[in-house]
C-alpha atoms as a PDB file:
ATOM      1  CA  MET A   1     120.297  72.820  70.245  1.00  0.00           C
ATOM      2  CA  THR A   2     119.145  69.167  70.639  1.00  0.00           C
ATOM      3  CA  ARG A   3     119.500  67.773  74.151  1.00  0.00           C
ATOM      4  CA  PRO A   4     121.212  64.597  74.323  1.00  0.00           C
ATOM      5  CA  GLY A   5     119.137  61.548  75.297  1.00  0.00           C
ATOM      6  CA  PRO A   6     119.811  58.913  77.817  1.00  0.00           C
ATOM      7  CA  ARG A   7     122.443  56.647  76.865  1.00  0.00           C
ATOM      8  CA  ALA A   8     121.103  53.024  75.386  1.00  0.00           C
ATOM      9  CA  SER A   9     123.392  51.434  77.719  1.00  0.00           C
ATOM     10  CA  ALA A  10     122.460  52.573  80.849  1.00  0.00           C
ATOM     11  CA  ALA A  11     121.188  50.074  83.203  1.00  0.00           C
ATOM     12  CA  PRO A  12     117.876  50.785  85.207  1.00  0.00           C
ATOM     13  CA  ALA A  13     118.461  51.139  88.867  1.00  0.00           C
ATOM     14  CA  HIS A  14     118.183  48.056  91.396  1.00  0.00           C
ATOM     15  CA  VAL A  15     115.084  48.715  93.661  1.00  0.00           C
ATOM     16  CA  PRO A  16     116.431  47.431  96.986  1.00  0.00           C
ATOM     17  CA  ARG A  17     114.381  44.256  98.307  1.00  0.00           C
ATOM     18  CA  ARG A  18     112.975  44.611 101.735  1.00  0.00           C
ATOM     19  CA  SER A  19     112.592  40.950 101.909  1.00  0.00           C
ATOM     20  CA  LEU A  20     116.721  40.435 101.685  1.00  0.00           C
ATOM     21  CA  GLY A  21     117.268  43.710 104.073  1.00  0.00           C
ATOM     22  CA  GLN A  22     119.155  45.369 101.473  1.00  0.00           C
ATOM     23  CA  HIS A  23     120.708  48.991 102.462  1.00  0.00           C
ATOM     24  CA  PHE A  24     123.522  49.813  99.732  1.00  0.00           C
ATOM     25  CA  LEU A  25     126.573  51.480 101.138  1.00  0.00           C
ATOM     26  CA  ILE A  26     127.190  54.792  99.169  1.00  0.00           C
ATOM     27  CA  ASP A  27     129.988  56.357 100.814  1.00  0.00           C
ATOM     28  CA  LYS A  28     133.537  55.865  99.454  1.00  0.00           C
ATOM     29  CA  ASN A  29     135.142  57.120 102.489  1.00  0.00           C
ATOM     30  CA  ILE A  30     133.723  54.616 104.378  1.00  0.00           C
ATOM     31  CA  VAL A  31     134.820  52.118 101.557  1.00  0.00           C
ATOM     32  CA  HIS A  32     138.423  53.324 101.995  1.00  0.00           C
ATOM     33  CA  LYS A  33     138.426  53.185 105.992  1.00  0.00           C
ATOM     34  CA  ILE A  34     136.990  49.487 105.809  1.00  0.00           C
ATOM     35  CA  VAL A  35     139.862  48.349 102.651  1.00  0.00           C
ATOM     36  CA  ARG A  36     142.571  50.124 105.078  1.00  0.00           C
ATOM     37  CA  LEU A  37     141.197  48.412 108.228  1.00  0.00           C
ATOM     38  CA  ALA A  38     141.522  44.911 106.042  1.00  0.00           C
ATOM     39  CA  GLU A  39     145.274  45.606 105.549  1.00  0.00           C
ATOM     40  CA  LEU A  40     145.077  43.750 102.226  1.00  0.00           C
ATOM     41  CA  GLN A  41     148.127  42.199 100.532  1.00  0.00           C
ATOM     42  CA  PRO A  42     149.013  41.647  97.020  1.00  0.00           C
ATOM     43  CA  GLY A  43     147.780  38.189  96.471  1.00  0.00           C
ATOM     44  CA  GLU A  44     145.505  37.892  99.234  1.00  0.00           C
ATOM     45  CA  THR A  45     142.062  36.160  98.482  1.00  0.00           C
ATOM     46  CA  VAL A  46     139.011  38.063  99.866  1.00  0.00           C
ATOM     47  CA  LEU A  47     135.780  36.551 100.410  1.00  0.00           C
ATOM     48  CA  GLU A  48     132.735  39.088  99.971  1.00  0.00           C
ATOM     49  CA  ILE A  49     129.162  38.292 101.353  1.00  0.00           C
ATOM     50  CA  GLY A  50     126.397  40.482 100.023  1.00  0.00           C
ATOM     51  CA  PRO A  51     128.436  42.771  97.475  1.00  0.00           C
ATOM     52  CA  GLY A  52     125.254  44.667  96.663  1.00  0.00           C
ATOM     53  CA  ARG A  53     125.911  47.196  93.768  1.00  0.00           C
ATOM     54  CA  GLY A  54     129.778  46.477  93.951  1.00  0.00           C
ATOM     55  CA  ILE A  55     131.024  49.734  95.788  1.00  0.00           C
ATOM     56  CA  LEU A  56     133.171  47.582  98.211  1.00  0.00           C
ATOM     57  CA  THR A  57     133.983  45.044  95.718  1.00  0.00           C
ATOM     58  CA  ASP A  58     135.520  47.599  93.239  1.00  0.00           C
ATOM     59  CA  ALA A  59     138.084  48.767  96.020  1.00  0.00           C
ATOM     60  CA  LEU A  60     138.676  45.131  97.146  1.00  0.00           C
ATOM     61  CA  LEU A  61     139.600  44.148  93.614  1.00  0.00           C
ATOM     62  CA  ASP A  62     142.392  46.999  93.506  1.00  0.00           C
ATOM     63  CA  SER A  63     143.805  45.700  96.816  1.00  0.00           C
ATOM     64  CA  SER A  64     143.676  42.128  96.473  1.00  0.00           C
ATOM     65  CA  GLY A  65     144.676  38.792  94.638  1.00  0.00           C
ATOM     66  CA  LEU A  66     141.137  37.114  94.386  1.00  0.00           C
ATOM     67  CA  VAL A  67     137.440  38.591  95.136  1.00  0.00           C
ATOM     68  CA  VAL A  68     135.053  35.771  95.624  1.00  0.00           C
ATOM     69  CA  ALA A  69     131.585  37.379  96.099  1.00  0.00           C
ATOM     70  CA  VAL A  70     128.678  35.710  97.118  1.00  0.00           C
ATOM     71  CA  GLU A  71     125.353  37.372  96.436  1.00  0.00           C
ATOM     72  CA  LEU A  72     121.863  36.039  96.412  1.00  0.00           C
ATOM     73  CA  ASP A  73     120.045  38.723  94.544  1.00  0.00           C
ATOM     74  CA  ALA A  74     119.846  37.518  90.776  1.00  0.00           C
ATOM     75  CA  ALA A  75     119.658  41.128  89.761  1.00  0.00           C
ATOM     76  CA  LEU A  76     122.271  42.397  91.501  1.00  0.00           C
ATOM     77  CA  CYS A  77     124.374  39.336  90.091  1.00  0.00           C
ATOM     78  CA  ALA A  78     123.666  40.630  86.464  1.00  0.00           C
ATOM     79  CA  HIS A  79     124.719  44.026  87.441  1.00  0.00           C
ATOM     80  CA  LEU A  80     127.930  42.792  89.132  1.00  0.00           C
ATOM     81  CA  ARG A  81     128.601  40.671  85.845  1.00  0.00           C
ATOM     82  CA  ALA A  82     128.118  43.668  83.772  1.00  0.00           C
ATOM     83  CA  THR A  83     130.109  46.047  85.617  1.00  0.00           C
ATOM     84  CA  LEU A  84     133.093  43.844  87.051  1.00  0.00           C
ATOM     85  CA  ARG A  85     133.358  41.409  84.024  1.00  0.00           C
ATOM     86  CA  ARG A  86     136.486  42.947  82.996  1.00  0.00           C
ATOM     87  CA  ARG A  87     138.180  42.410  86.571  1.00  0.00           C
ATOM     88  CA  SER A  88     140.411  39.231  85.958  1.00  0.00           C
ATOM     89  CA  ASN A  89     140.703  38.473  89.961  1.00  0.00           C
ATOM     90  CA  PHE A  90     136.611  38.627  90.384  1.00  0.00           C
ATOM     91  CA  ARG A  91     134.725  35.516  90.753  1.00  0.00           C
ATOM     92  CA  LEU A  92     131.230  35.770  91.556  1.00  0.00           C
ATOM     93  CA  VAL A  93     129.056  33.213  93.070  1.00  0.00           C
ATOM     94  CA  GLU A  94     125.153  33.584  92.848  1.00  0.00           C
ATOM     95  CA  GLY A  95     123.719  31.839  95.895  1.00  0.00           C
ATOM     96  CA  ASP A  96     122.985  31.789  99.799  1.00  0.00           C
ATOM     97  CA  ALA A  97     126.005  32.699 101.960  1.00  0.00           C
ATOM     98  CA  LEU A  98     124.110  30.252 104.505  1.00  0.00           C
ATOM     99  CA  THR A  99     124.528  27.422 102.449  1.00  0.00           C
ATOM    100  CA  PHE A 100     127.713  28.228 100.614  1.00  0.00           C
ATOM    101  CA  ASP A 101     130.775  25.714 100.844  1.00  0.00           C
ATOM    102  CA  TYR A 102     133.398  27.584 101.793  1.00  0.00           C
ATOM    103  CA  ALA A 103     135.941  25.164 100.865  1.00  0.00           C
ATOM    104  CA  GLN A 104     135.361  26.385  97.516  1.00  0.00           C
ATOM    105  CA  VAL A 105     137.479  29.682  98.708  1.00  0.00           C
ATOM    106  CA  PRO A 106     141.101  29.143  98.420  1.00  0.00           C
ATOM    107  CA  SER A 107     142.750  29.410 102.097  1.00  0.00           C
ATOM    108  CA  PRO A 108     143.648  31.414 103.898  1.00  0.00           C
ATOM    109  CA  PHE A 109     141.183  34.140 103.255  1.00  0.00           C
ATOM    110  CA  LEU A 110     139.796  37.389 104.599  1.00  0.00           C
ATOM    111  CA  VAL A 111     136.101  38.016 104.959  1.00  0.00           C
ATOM    112  CA  VAL A 112     135.673  41.691 104.314  1.00  0.00           C
ATOM    113  CA  ALA A 113     131.591  42.312 104.024  1.00  0.00           C
ATOM    114  CA  ASN A 114     128.720  44.495 104.858  1.00  0.00           C
ATOM    115  CA  LEU A 115     127.061  41.503 106.054  1.00  0.00           C
ATOM    116  CA  PRO A 116     122.911  41.361 105.317  1.00  0.00           C
ATOM    117  CA  TYR A 117     121.658  42.549 108.777  1.00  0.00           C
ATOM    118  CA  TYR A 118     118.704  39.923 108.787  1.00  0.00           C
ATOM    119  CA  VAL A 119     120.821  37.161 108.521  1.00  0.00           C
ATOM    120  CA  SER A 120     123.901  38.312 110.177  1.00  0.00           C
ATOM    121  CA  THR A 121     124.150  36.196 113.546  1.00  0.00           C
ATOM    122  CA  PRO A 122     123.622  32.901 111.749  1.00  0.00           C
ATOM    123  CA  LEU A 123     126.166  33.862 109.179  1.00  0.00           C
ATOM    124  CA  LEU A 124     128.482  34.602 112.062  1.00  0.00           C
ATOM    125  CA  PHE A 125     128.202  31.671 113.478  1.00  0.00           C
ATOM    126  CA  ARG A 126     128.711  30.017 110.030  1.00  0.00           C
ATOM    127  CA  LEU A 127     131.902  31.768 109.414  1.00  0.00           C
ATOM    128  CA  LEU A 128     133.151  30.856 113.168  1.00  0.00           C
ATOM    129  CA  GLU A 129     132.700  27.070 112.219  1.00  0.00           C
ATOM    130  CA  ASP A 130     135.270  28.042 109.350  1.00  0.00           C
ATOM    131  CA  ARG A 131     137.575  29.939 111.247  1.00  0.00           C
ATOM    132  CA  ARG A 132     140.695  28.027 110.691  1.00  0.00           C
ATOM    133  CA  ARG A 133     140.580  29.015 107.275  1.00  0.00           C
ATOM    134  CA  ILE A 134     140.201  32.581 107.508  1.00  0.00           C
ATOM    135  CA  ASP A 135     142.742  34.998 108.811  1.00  0.00           C
ATOM    136  CA  ARG A 136     140.486  37.734 109.852  1.00  0.00           C
ATOM    137  CA  LEU A 137     137.098  39.172 109.367  1.00  0.00           C
ATOM    138  CA  VAL A 138     136.512  42.859 108.710  1.00  0.00           C
ATOM    139  CA  LEU A 139     132.842  43.394 109.185  1.00  0.00           C
ATOM    140  CA  MET A 140     130.093  45.970 108.812  1.00  0.00           C
ATOM    141  CA  LEU A 141     126.992  45.186 110.994  1.00  0.00           C
ATOM    142  CA  GLN A 142     124.163  46.448 112.904  1.00  0.00           C
ATOM    143  CA  GLU A 143     125.686  48.621 115.698  1.00  0.00           C
ATOM    144  CA  GLU A 144     124.066  46.521 118.516  1.00  0.00           C
ATOM    145  CA  VAL A 145     125.561  43.354 117.307  1.00  0.00           C
ATOM    146  CA  VAL A 146     129.138  44.773 117.060  1.00  0.00           C
ATOM    147  CA  ALA A 147     127.882  45.717 120.686  1.00  0.00           C
ATOM    148  CA  ARG A 148     127.161  42.083 121.503  1.00  0.00           C
ATOM    149  CA  LEU A 149     130.568  40.475 120.078  1.00  0.00           C
ATOM    150  CA  ALA A 150     132.622  42.835 122.170  1.00  0.00           C
ATOM    151  CA  ALA A 151     130.648  42.534 125.210  1.00  0.00           C
ATOM    152  CA  ALA A 152     132.015  41.783 128.861  1.00  0.00           C
ATOM    153  CA  PRO A 153     130.208  39.842 131.364  1.00  0.00           C
ATOM    154  CA  GLY A 154     127.633  41.681 133.451  1.00  0.00           C
ATOM    155  CA  GLY A 155     125.910  43.946 130.976  1.00  0.00           C
ATOM    156  CA  ARG A 156     122.774  43.343 128.703  1.00  0.00           C
ATOM    157  CA  ASP A 157     124.941  42.912 125.429  1.00  0.00           C
ATOM    158  CA  TYR A 158     126.637  39.920 126.885  1.00  0.00           C
ATOM    159  CA  GLY A 159     125.318  36.589 125.655  1.00  0.00           C
ATOM    160  CA  ALA A 160     125.930  33.505 123.702  1.00  0.00           C
ATOM    161  CA  LEU A 161     127.217  35.314 120.739  1.00  0.00           C
ATOM    162  CA  SER A 162     129.674  37.642 122.928  1.00  0.00           C
ATOM    163  CA  ILE A 163     131.103  34.066 124.112  1.00  0.00           C
ATOM    164  CA  ALA A 164     131.340  32.522 120.854  1.00  0.00           C
ATOM    165  CA  ALA A 165     132.976  35.080 119.136  1.00  0.00           C
ATOM    166  CA  GLN A 166     135.495  35.796 122.226  1.00  0.00           C
ATOM    167  CA  PHE A 167     135.781  31.962 122.787  1.00  0.00           C
ATOM    168  CA  TYR A 168     137.287  31.920 119.209  1.00  0.00           C
ATOM    169  CA  CYS A 169     138.800  35.012 118.076  1.00  0.00           C
ATOM    170  CA  GLU A 170     140.084  38.482 119.314  1.00  0.00           C
ATOM    171  CA  VAL A 171     137.173  41.202 118.620  1.00  0.00           C
ATOM    172  CA  ARG A 172     137.902  44.718 118.103  1.00  0.00           C
ATOM    173  CA  GLN A 173     135.415  47.459 117.434  1.00  0.00           C
ATOM    174  CA  ALA A 174     136.794  49.585 114.685  1.00  0.00           C
ATOM    175  CA  PHE A 175     134.426  52.680 113.870  1.00  0.00           C
ATOM    176  CA  ARG A 176     130.500  53.586 113.520  1.00  0.00           C
ATOM    177  CA  VAL A 177     128.648  54.283 110.007  1.00  0.00           C
ATOM    178  CA  PRO A 178     125.744  56.308 110.159  1.00  0.00           C
ATOM    179  CA  PRO A 179     122.806  55.713 108.341  1.00  0.00           C
ATOM    180  CA  THR A 180     123.276  58.446 106.112  1.00  0.00           C
ATOM    181  CA  CYS A 181     125.932  56.314 104.524  1.00  0.00           C
ATOM    182  CA  PHE A 182     123.550  54.015 102.894  1.00  0.00           C
ATOM    183  CA  ARG A 183     120.353  53.994 100.620  1.00  0.00           C
ATOM    184  CA  PRO A 184     117.897  53.596 101.477  1.00  0.00           C
ATOM    185  CA  LYS A 185     118.789  54.704 104.695  1.00  0.00           C
ATOM    186  CA  PRO A 186     118.524  51.966 107.543  1.00  0.00           C
ATOM    187  CA  GLN A 187     116.332  52.598 110.783  1.00  0.00           C
ATOM    188  CA  VAL A 188     119.653  51.482 112.915  1.00  0.00           C
ATOM    189  CA  GLY A 189     123.134  52.585 113.373  1.00  0.00           C
ATOM    190  CA  SER A 190     125.968  50.470 111.941  1.00  0.00           C
ATOM    191  CA  ALA A 191     129.475  49.704 113.037  1.00  0.00           C
ATOM    192  CA  VAL A 192     132.573  47.694 111.479  1.00  0.00           C
ATOM    193  CA  VAL A 193     134.202  45.085 113.777  1.00  0.00           C
ATOM    194  CA  VAL A 194     137.630  43.109 113.241  1.00  0.00           C
ATOM    195  CA  LEU A 195     137.695  39.399 114.154  1.00  0.00           C
ATOM    196  CA  THR A 196     140.930  37.744 114.138  1.00  0.00           C
ATOM    197  CA  PRO A 197     140.832  34.057 114.921  1.00  0.00           C
ATOM    198  CA  LEU A 198     142.553  32.818 117.792  1.00  0.00           C
ATOM    199  CA  ARG A 199     145.382  29.857 117.072  1.00  0.00           C
ATOM    200  CA  LYS A 200     143.471  27.814 119.550  1.00  0.00           C
ATOM    201  CA  PRO A 201     140.390  28.547 121.780  1.00  0.00           C
ATOM    202  CA  ARG A 202     140.725  31.319 124.648  1.00  0.00           C
ATOM    203  CA  VAL A 203     139.857  28.704 127.026  1.00  0.00           C
ATOM    204  CA  SER A 204     140.458  24.991 127.149  1.00  0.00           C
ATOM    205  CA  VAL A 205     137.332  22.532 127.707  1.00  0.00           C
ATOM    206  CA  ALA A 206     136.858  18.860 127.556  1.00  0.00           C
ATOM    207  CA  ASP A 207     133.999  19.013 125.006  1.00  0.00           C
ATOM    208  CA  GLU A 208     133.438  22.405 123.032  1.00  0.00           C
ATOM    209  CA  ALA A 209     129.954  21.219 121.714  1.00  0.00           C
ATOM    210  CA  PHE A 210     128.946  20.547 125.321  1.00  0.00           C
ATOM    211  CA  PHE A 211     130.339  23.782 126.551  1.00  0.00           C
ATOM    212  CA  PHE A 212     128.198  25.736 124.130  1.00  0.00           C
ATOM    213  CA  ARG A 213     125.163  23.872 124.895  1.00  0.00           C
ATOM    214  CA  ILE A 214     125.844  25.139 128.479  1.00  0.00           C
ATOM    215  CA  VAL A 215     126.278  28.401 127.287  1.00  0.00           C
ATOM    216  CA  ARG A 216     122.823  28.255 125.473  1.00  0.00           C
ATOM    217  CA  ALA A 217     121.101  26.973 128.148  1.00  0.00           C
ATOM    218  CA  GLY A 218     122.369  29.628 130.832  1.00  0.00           C
ATOM    219  CA  PHE A 219     121.268  32.437 128.111  1.00  0.00           C
ATOM    220  CA  ALA A 220     117.788  31.011 127.269  1.00  0.00           C
ATOM    221  CA  HIS A 221     116.328  32.386 130.171  1.00  0.00           C
ATOM    222  CA  ARG A 222     118.112  35.421 131.086  1.00  0.00           C
ATOM    223  CA  ARG A 223     116.394  36.719 134.041  1.00  0.00           C
ATOM    224  CA  LYS A 224     116.578  33.345 136.140  1.00  0.00           C
ATOM    225  CA  ALA A 225     119.463  32.297 138.355  1.00  0.00           C
ATOM    226  CA  LEU A 226     121.683  29.769 136.701  1.00  0.00           C
ATOM    227  CA  PRO A 227     120.314  26.437 138.347  1.00  0.00           C
ATOM    228  CA  ASN A 228     116.641  27.393 137.343  1.00  0.00           C
ATOM    229  CA  SER A 229     117.505  28.440 133.687  1.00  0.00           C
ATOM    230  CA  LEU A 230     119.674  24.890 133.011  1.00  0.00           C
ATOM    231  CA  ARG A 231     116.803  22.955 134.579  1.00  0.00           C
ATOM    232  CA  ASP A 232     114.351  24.541 132.266  1.00  0.00           C
ATOM    233  CA  GLU A 233     116.677  23.410 129.405  1.00  0.00           C
ATOM    234  CA  GLY A 234     116.770  19.811 130.536  1.00  0.00           C
ATOM    235  CA  PHE A 235     119.816  19.716 133.077  1.00  0.00           C
ATOM    236  CA  GLU A 236     119.018  17.680 136.569  1.00  0.00           C
ATOM    237  CA  GLY A 237     118.961  19.985 139.449  1.00  0.00           C
ATOM    238  CA  GLY A 238     121.565  17.699 141.821  1.00  0.00           C
ATOM    239  CA  PRO A 239     124.464  17.685 139.365  1.00  0.00           C
ATOM    240  CA  THR A 240     123.980  21.218 138.221  1.00  0.00           C
ATOM    241  CA  ALA A 241     124.234  22.287 142.198  1.00  0.00           C
ATOM    242  CA  ALA A 242     127.335  19.966 142.739  1.00  0.00           C
ATOM    243  CA  ALA A 243     128.928  21.278 139.483  1.00  0.00           C
ATOM    244  CA  LEU A 244     128.450  24.774 140.373  1.00  0.00           C
ATOM    245  CA  GLU A 245     130.127  24.405 143.751  1.00  0.00           C
ATOM    246  CA  GLN A 246     132.649  22.509 142.538  1.00  0.00           C
ATOM    247  CA  ALA A 247     133.351  25.374 139.836  1.00  0.00           C
ATOM    248  CA  GLY A 248     133.034  28.000 142.561  1.00  0.00           C
ATOM    249  CA  ILE A 249     129.872  29.657 141.254  1.00  0.00           C
ATOM    250  CA  ASP A 250     127.336  31.205 143.525  1.00  0.00           C
ATOM    251  CA  PRO A 251     124.093  29.485 142.770  1.00  0.00           C
ATOM    252  CA  ARG A 252     122.120  32.763 142.777  1.00  0.00           C
ATOM    253  CA  ARG A 253     124.359  34.026 139.771  1.00  0.00           C
ATOM    254  CA  ARG A 254     122.794  34.574 136.344  1.00  0.00           C
ATOM    255  CA  ALA A 255     124.711  33.262 133.333  1.00  0.00           C
ATOM    256  CA  GLU A 256     125.081  36.974 132.110  1.00  0.00           C
ATOM    257  CA  THR A 257     127.535  37.544 135.259  1.00  0.00           C
ATOM    258  CA  LEU A 258     129.579  34.480 134.074  1.00  0.00           C
ATOM    259  CA  SER A 259     132.952  34.943 132.502  1.00  0.00           C
ATOM    260  CA  ILE A 260     134.238  32.473 129.726  1.00  0.00           C
ATOM    261  CA  GLU A 261     136.381  30.974 132.206  1.00  0.00           C
ATOM    262  CA  GLU A 262     133.623  30.146 134.525  1.00  0.00           C
ATOM    263  CA  PHE A 263     131.124  28.796 132.016  1.00  0.00           C
ATOM    264  CA  ALA A 264     134.469  26.418 130.804  1.00  0.00           C
ATOM    265  CA  ALA A 265     134.909  25.239 134.621  1.00  0.00           C
ATOM    266  CA  LEU A 266     131.099  24.639 134.813  1.00  0.00           C
ATOM    267  CA  THR A 267     131.152  22.574 131.605  1.00  0.00           C
ATOM    268  CA  ASP A 268     134.315  20.701 132.928  1.00  0.00           C
ATOM    269  CA  ALA A 269     132.708  20.067 136.389  1.00  0.00           C
ATOM    270  CA  LEU A 270     129.185  18.882 134.702  1.00  0.00           C
ATOM    271  CA  LEU A 271     131.147  16.663 132.598  1.00  0.00           C
ATOM    272  CA  SER A 272     133.050  15.184 135.140  1.00  0.00           C
ATOM    273  CA  LEU A 273     130.004  14.342 137.412  1.00  0.00           C
ATOM    274  CA  SER A 274     128.072  12.251 134.395  1.00  0.00           C
END
């Protein structure tokens, strides 16, 4: 009996690129959990960043009106075009999600994605900038990043990313994803988080850009007391001391102990003294 040879149409397996931090999800149970968590409705538009080989994309196409996938890797784009070309609700964008114009995606839309871990933090800030066009975000990230997003004041995970996410969104940790669910296996654990943009920021501040400047300055030197950290980032000592007193904040405290509300009070006090 002649053994059948390989199919001529079989495409060579894509070799993961370390430079792009590629770890492909292979567990369909995790895919189904993500899709259920997204609570997709017929006709909704989904943005997927870094679709990879398309295991999540395929499931999203079954549950939504339109899936816009942004993929940087040209070889993966070719694979996605070949495997999903018959799906009429699939739109592929070959490009960098950090520079992609999200205005191209019909709004409002959802973001459902296994974000490339090596650029997850700048991507998160980029998505938060477009939050007014986004209904919710269901994201798989490095587990430590999810911990930072949800962190409360006082812990080592709490920082500028925690404040940015919680200032603009409700943050809900969903479930962990072990390394065995990927090929190749990453060296770190993963987790899925749901971010739901708020209708208005969690606290009111007179100047949001100045608020985040204060937050970044405060966390620039985590081990230092707040006045010293702010001074090292260009804020004069006299006005800072007066603003801390006006806001009712002990000058011996460090940035990681301040709530979002306290950072807002400090921001408004500094503005009032300028």
